Amino acid sequence: MKVTRRSVLDALRHPLGASTVFIVCFALFLEFLLPYLGGWLAAQDWFSIRSGLRSSGKEVPLYMTLAVLACFCFLTYSEERWQRFQAPVWEFMRWKHPMRAAVLCVVPVFVAVVVFLGEAGGGAEPVANPIRHPTPPDQFSKLKNPFRRPNAEMLSAFDEALRSGQIDIEASTEPQVVAYGRALQSGKASEEDRPAAFRRHVIEEGRTLFMINCRPCHGTKAMGDGPMSVGQRREPADFTGVETIATLVEGAVFWRVNRGGIKLPHEGAPWESAMPRWETDLSQEEIWKIIMAEYDIAGNAPRESEGHAQATPTGQESE
Protein backbone atom coordinates (compact mmCIF):
# COMPACT_ATOMS: atom_id res chain seq x y z
CA MET A 1 0.00 0.00 0.00
CA LYS A 2 1.39 3.36 -1.03
CA VAL A 3 1.88 5.76 1.88
CA THR A 4 1.18 9.34 0.91
CA ARG A 5 1.57 12.57 2.81
CA ARG A 6 -2.19 12.88 3.02
CA SER A 7 -2.57 9.41 4.53
CA VAL A 8 0.06 10.21 7.17
CA LEU A 9 -1.70 13.46 8.09
CA ASP A 10 -5.05 11.64 8.28
CA ALA A 11 -3.48 9.06 10.60
CA LEU A 12 -2.09 11.79 12.85
CA ARG A 13 -5.45 13.55 12.97
CA HIS A 14 -7.16 10.33 13.99
CA PRO A 15 -7.73 10.11 17.79
CA LEU A 16 -5.72 6.88 18.02
CA GLY A 17 -2.79 8.28 16.05
CA ALA A 18 -2.82 11.63 17.87
CA SER A 19 -2.93 9.92 21.27
CA THR A 20 -0.07 7.60 20.34
CA VAL A 21 2.11 10.47 19.11
CA PHE A 22 1.37 12.50 22.25
CA ILE A 23 2.31 9.65 24.60
CA VAL A 24 5.51 8.85 22.66
CA CYS A 25 6.60 12.51 22.48
CA PHE A 26 5.85 13.01 26.18
CA ALA A 27 7.91 9.93 27.07
CA LEU A 28 10.84 11.23 24.98
CA PHE A 29 10.54 14.62 26.68
CA LEU A 30 10.72 13.02 30.14
CA GLU A 31 13.63 10.82 29.16
CA PHE A 32 15.84 13.28 27.30
CA LEU A 33 14.72 16.89 27.89
CA LEU A 34 13.42 16.94 31.47
CA PRO A 35 16.89 16.37 33.04
CA TYR A 36 18.25 19.34 31.11
CA LEU A 37 15.26 21.48 32.10
CA GLY A 38 15.84 20.55 35.74
CA GLY A 39 19.54 21.26 35.39
CA TRP A 40 18.80 24.66 33.90
CA LEU A 41 16.48 25.56 36.78
CA ALA A 42 18.87 24.21 39.42
CA ALA A 43 21.82 26.15 37.98
CA GLN A 44 20.18 29.45 39.04
CA ASP A 45 21.73 30.96 35.93
CA TRP A 46 19.82 31.67 32.70
CA PHE A 47 22.83 30.76 30.55
CA SER A 48 24.07 27.54 32.12
CA ILE A 49 22.87 24.02 32.86
CA ARG A 50 23.88 22.07 35.93
CA SER A 51 24.90 18.54 35.03
CA GLY A 52 24.89 15.41 37.11
CA LEU A 53 21.54 16.00 38.81
CA ARG A 54 20.41 13.01 40.79
CA SER A 55 16.92 11.62 40.42
CA SER A 56 14.87 9.00 42.21
CA GLY A 57 13.52 7.78 38.85
CA LYS A 58 9.98 7.75 40.22
CA GLU A 59 8.90 10.94 38.53
CA VAL A 60 8.78 9.39 35.03
CA PRO A 61 6.12 6.73 35.83
CA LEU A 62 4.16 9.35 37.76
CA TYR A 63 4.12 11.85 34.89
CA MET A 64 3.42 9.12 32.34
CA THR A 65 0.42 8.00 34.37
CA LEU A 66 -0.86 11.57 34.43
CA ALA A 67 -0.32 11.85 30.67
CA VAL A 68 -2.30 8.65 30.00
CA LEU A 69 -5.11 9.86 32.26
CA ALA A 70 -5.15 13.22 30.45
CA CYS A 71 -5.34 11.38 27.11
CA PHE A 72 -8.20 9.24 28.37
CA CYS A 73 -10.13 12.30 29.56
CA PHE A 74 -9.59 13.99 26.19
CA LEU A 75 -10.81 10.94 24.23
CA THR A 76 -13.88 10.24 26.36
CA TYR A 77 -14.99 13.89 26.51
CA SER A 78 -16.61 13.46 23.10
CA GLU A 79 -18.68 10.37 22.25
CA GLU A 80 -17.84 10.70 18.57
CA ARG A 81 -14.11 10.98 19.30
CA TRP A 82 -14.25 7.94 21.61
CA GLN A 83 -16.02 5.85 18.95
CA ARG A 84 -13.42 6.83 16.35
CA PHE A 85 -10.65 5.88 18.76
CA GLN A 86 -12.14 2.42 19.37
CA ALA A 87 -12.96 1.63 15.72
CA PRO A 88 -9.45 0.57 14.55
CA VAL A 89 -8.88 -1.32 17.80
CA TRP A 90 -12.02 -3.44 17.34
CA GLU A 91 -11.21 -3.85 13.66
CA PHE A 92 -7.79 -5.23 14.56
CA MET A 93 -9.26 -7.59 17.16
CA ARG A 94 -11.66 -9.00 14.54
CA TRP A 95 -8.89 -9.37 11.98
CA LYS A 96 -8.60 -13.06 11.05
CA HIS A 97 -4.94 -13.19 10.20
CA PRO A 98 -1.87 -14.85 11.80
CA MET A 99 -0.33 -11.40 12.17
CA ARG A 100 -2.92 -10.52 14.80
CA ALA A 101 -1.92 -13.46 16.99
CA ALA A 102 1.75 -12.59 16.54
CA VAL A 103 1.20 -8.98 17.63
CA LEU A 104 -0.90 -10.05 20.63
CA CYS A 105 1.97 -12.31 21.74
CA VAL A 106 4.93 -10.09 20.93
CA VAL A 107 3.65 -6.87 22.55
CA PRO A 108 3.10 -8.34 26.07
CA VAL A 109 6.45 -10.15 25.91
CA PHE A 110 8.21 -6.95 24.82
CA VAL A 111 6.62 -4.95 27.66
CA ALA A 112 7.54 -7.68 30.17
CA VAL A 113 11.17 -7.70 29.01
CA VAL A 114 11.43 -3.90 29.21
CA VAL A 115 9.96 -3.86 32.72
CA PHE A 116 12.20 -6.70 33.86
CA LEU A 117 15.35 -5.07 32.52
CA GLY A 118 14.36 -1.77 34.07
CA GLU A 119 13.83 -3.32 37.49
CA ALA A 120 16.74 -5.74 37.43
CA GLY A 121 19.22 -3.30 35.92
CA GLY A 122 19.09 -0.81 38.76
CA GLY A 123 22.15 -1.62 40.82
CA ALA A 124 22.25 1.57 42.86
CA GLU A 125 21.60 1.13 46.54
CA PRO A 126 18.87 3.20 48.19
CA VAL A 127 20.26 6.28 49.83
CA ALA A 128 19.87 6.29 53.61
CA ASN A 129 19.99 9.50 55.56
CA PRO A 130 23.38 9.82 57.29
CA ILE A 131 23.14 9.99 61.06
CA ARG A 132 26.07 12.28 61.70
CA HIS A 133 25.48 15.82 60.54
CA PRO A 134 28.39 17.74 58.99
CA THR A 135 29.94 20.61 60.91
CA PRO A 136 28.54 23.93 59.65
CA PRO A 137 30.84 26.79 58.62
CA ASP A 138 32.16 28.86 61.54
CA GLN A 139 30.02 31.90 60.75
CA PHE A 140 26.90 29.79 61.36
CA SER A 141 27.97 27.46 64.18
CA LYS A 142 28.32 30.39 66.58
CA LEU A 143 24.96 31.99 65.77
CA LYS A 144 22.34 32.24 68.51
CA ASN A 145 18.59 32.37 68.04
CA PRO A 146 17.67 35.96 69.07
CA PHE A 147 14.13 34.88 69.99
CA ARG A 148 15.27 32.17 72.41
CA ARG A 149 16.52 34.74 74.94
CA PRO A 150 14.82 38.05 74.03
CA ASN A 151 16.35 41.34 75.12
CA ALA A 152 14.53 44.23 76.81
CA GLU A 153 13.86 46.01 73.52
CA MET A 154 12.17 42.97 72.00
CA LEU A 155 10.04 42.45 75.12
CA SER A 156 8.99 46.12 75.17
CA ALA A 157 7.97 45.91 71.50
CA PHE A 158 5.98 42.77 72.34
CA ASP A 159 4.10 44.61 75.09
CA GLU A 160 3.38 47.55 72.79
CA ALA A 161 2.04 45.23 70.06
CA LEU A 162 -0.32 43.64 72.59
CA ARG A 163 -1.55 47.01 73.89
CA SER A 164 -2.09 48.49 70.42
CA GLY A 165 -3.94 45.45 69.10
CA GLN A 166 -1.26 44.68 66.52
CA ILE A 167 -1.23 41.23 68.08
CA ASP A 168 -4.80 39.94 68.25
CA ILE A 169 -5.01 38.33 71.67
CA GLU A 170 -8.34 36.61 71.07
CA ALA A 171 -7.11 35.07 67.80
CA SER A 172 -4.03 33.54 69.43
CA THR A 173 -3.93 29.78 69.93
CA GLU A 174 -1.32 30.06 72.67
CA PRO A 175 -2.82 30.16 76.21
CA GLN A 176 0.27 31.89 77.62
CA VAL A 177 -0.01 34.70 75.08
CA VAL A 178 -3.74 35.12 75.75
CA ALA A 179 -3.28 35.10 79.54
CA TYR A 180 -0.37 37.56 79.47
CA GLY A 181 -2.14 39.85 76.99
CA ARG A 182 -5.27 40.07 79.13
CA ALA A 183 -3.19 40.66 82.25
CA LEU A 184 -1.30 43.42 80.45
CA GLN A 185 -4.55 45.13 79.46
CA SER A 186 -5.82 44.98 83.02
CA GLY A 187 -2.53 46.24 84.45
CA LYS A 188 -1.78 42.99 86.27
CA ALA A 189 0.91 41.58 84.02
CA SER A 190 3.93 39.96 85.63
CA GLU A 191 7.45 40.65 84.41
CA GLU A 192 8.28 37.00 85.00
CA ASP A 193 5.58 35.81 82.58
CA ARG A 194 6.61 38.13 79.75
CA PRO A 195 9.59 36.17 78.26
CA ALA A 196 7.63 32.90 78.15
CA ALA A 197 4.62 34.60 76.53
CA PHE A 198 6.95 36.26 74.00
CA ARG A 199 8.52 32.93 73.05
CA ARG A 200 5.14 31.26 72.64
CA HIS A 201 4.06 34.10 70.35
CA VAL A 202 7.21 33.65 68.26
CA ILE A 203 6.56 29.90 68.07
CA GLU A 204 2.98 30.60 66.96
CA GLU A 205 4.21 32.82 64.13
CA GLY A 206 6.91 30.29 63.25
CA ARG A 207 4.37 27.48 63.13
CA THR A 208 2.38 29.39 60.51
CA LEU A 209 5.53 29.91 58.43
CA PHE A 210 6.44 26.23 58.88
CA MET A 211 3.04 25.06 57.61
CA ILE A 212 3.32 27.28 54.54
CA ASN A 213 6.92 26.59 53.58
CA CYS A 214 8.10 23.38 55.28
CA ARG A 215 5.03 21.16 55.80
CA PRO A 216 4.87 19.97 52.14
CA CYS A 217 8.07 17.96 52.69
CA HIS A 218 8.54 17.63 56.44
CA GLY A 219 4.88 17.01 57.27
CA THR A 220 2.41 18.59 59.67
CA LYS A 221 4.04 16.88 62.67
CA ALA A 222 7.62 17.37 61.41
CA MET A 223 8.03 13.62 60.83
CA GLY A 224 9.35 13.93 57.24
CA ASP A 225 6.13 12.53 55.75
CA GLY A 226 4.71 15.52 53.87
CA PRO A 227 2.89 15.11 50.54
CA MET A 228 5.99 16.14 48.57
CA SER A 229 8.31 13.73 50.39
CA VAL A 230 7.32 10.81 48.17
CA GLY A 231 9.84 10.01 45.44
CA GLN A 232 12.70 12.14 46.73
CA ARG A 233 16.11 10.54 46.54
CA ARG A 234 16.87 11.56 50.12
CA GLU A 235 13.90 11.49 52.47
CA PRO A 236 13.15 14.74 54.33
CA ALA A 237 14.42 14.69 57.91
CA ASP A 238 12.19 13.47 60.73
CA PHE A 239 12.65 16.16 63.38
CA THR A 240 10.95 14.10 66.09
CA GLY A 241 13.86 11.65 66.32
CA VAL A 242 16.82 12.02 68.63
CA GLU A 243 19.37 11.93 65.80
CA THR A 244 18.35 15.01 63.77
CA ILE A 245 17.75 18.55 65.07
CA ALA A 246 17.98 17.41 68.71
CA THR A 247 21.72 16.85 68.15
CA LEU A 248 22.31 20.26 66.57
CA VAL A 249 22.86 23.76 67.86
CA GLU A 250 20.40 26.22 66.36
CA GLY A 251 23.12 27.87 64.31
CA ALA A 252 23.61 24.60 62.40
CA VAL A 253 19.88 24.34 61.74
CA PHE A 254 19.86 27.96 60.55
CA TRP A 255 22.67 27.09 58.12
CA ARG A 256 20.72 24.14 56.67
CA VAL A 257 17.52 26.15 56.28
CA ASN A 258 19.28 29.26 55.01
CA ARG A 259 21.52 27.55 52.44
CA GLY A 260 19.21 24.64 51.58
CA GLY A 261 20.40 21.30 50.29
CA ILE A 262 21.14 22.06 46.62
CA LYS A 263 24.75 22.76 45.57
CA LEU A 264 26.06 22.56 49.11
CA PRO A 265 29.71 23.45 49.75
CA HIS A 266 32.20 20.66 50.39
CA GLU A 267 31.53 20.60 54.14
CA GLY A 268 27.85 19.87 53.42
CA ALA A 269 28.47 16.41 51.92
CA PRO A 270 26.82 13.95 52.02
CA TRP A 271 23.71 15.94 52.97
CA GLU A 272 22.85 17.32 49.54
CA SER A 273 19.08 17.20 49.04
CA ALA A 274 16.21 18.88 47.22
CA MET A 275 15.60 21.50 49.94
CA PRO A 276 15.74 25.00 48.39
CA ARG A 277 17.83 27.91 49.62
CA TRP A 278 15.32 29.66 51.85
CA GLU A 279 17.54 32.73 52.20
CA THR A 280 16.12 33.92 48.87
CA ASP A 281 12.48 33.73 50.06
CA LEU A 282 12.55 34.20 53.84
CA SER A 283 14.11 36.82 56.07
CA GLN A 284 16.52 35.81 58.82
CA GLU A 285 13.87 36.60 61.44
CA GLU A 286 11.38 34.32 59.67
CA ILE A 287 13.94 31.50 59.54
CA TRP A 288 14.67 31.83 63.27
CA LYS A 289 10.93 31.72 64.01
CA ILE A 290 10.54 28.60 61.86
CA ILE A 291 13.39 26.95 63.76
CA MET A 292 11.68 27.75 67.07
CA ALA A 293 8.50 26.15 65.71
CA GLU A 294 10.34 23.10 64.37
CA TYR A 295 11.66 22.22 67.80
CA ASP A 296 8.28 22.88 69.37
CA ILE A 297 6.33 20.76 66.88
CA ALA A 298 8.87 17.94 67.14
CA GLY A 299 8.92 18.04 70.93
CA ASN A 300 12.71 18.48 71.00
CA ALA A 301 15.11 21.09 72.33
CA PRO A 302 18.25 22.33 70.55
CA ARG A 303 21.67 21.22 71.73
CA GLU A 304 23.53 23.97 73.50
CA SER A 305 27.13 24.87 72.73
CA GLU A 306 29.82 23.74 75.16
CA GLY A 307 29.68 25.76 78.36
CA HIS A 308 25.97 26.61 78.09
CA ALA A 309 23.04 25.14 79.93
CA GLN A 310 20.70 22.82 78.08
CA ALA A 311 17.78 24.59 76.40
CA THR A 312 14.40 24.31 78.08
CA PRO A 313 12.38 21.44 76.60
CA THR A 314 9.26 22.24 74.61
CA GLY A 315 6.23 23.23 76.65
CA GLN A 316 8.29 24.04 79.79
CA GLU A 317 9.01 27.71 79.26
CA SER A 318 11.09 29.45 81.86
CA GLU A 319 13.25 32.50 82.08
Foldseek 3Di string as FASTA:
>chain_A
DDDDPVNVVVQCPQLQNVLVVQLVVVLCCVVPPVQQVVQCVLVVDVPDGHPDDDFLPVVSVVVSVVSVVVSVCVQVVDPVSVCRNCVVVVVLVPDPDVVSVVCVVVVVVVVVVVVVCVVVVDPDDQDEDDLDFFDDPPVLQPDDLCLLDDDPVLLVVVLVCLVVCVDPLVPDPDPLLNVQSVCSVVVNHDPFSRSVNSLVVLLRLLLVVCVVQPCQQLNNLSQRDHVPQPRWSYGDHRLLDCRPQLAAAVSVVLCCQQCPQRPDPPSRPPRRTDGHRCVVPDPSSSSSSNSSNSQQSSQHFGQDDPPDDGRDTHPDDGD
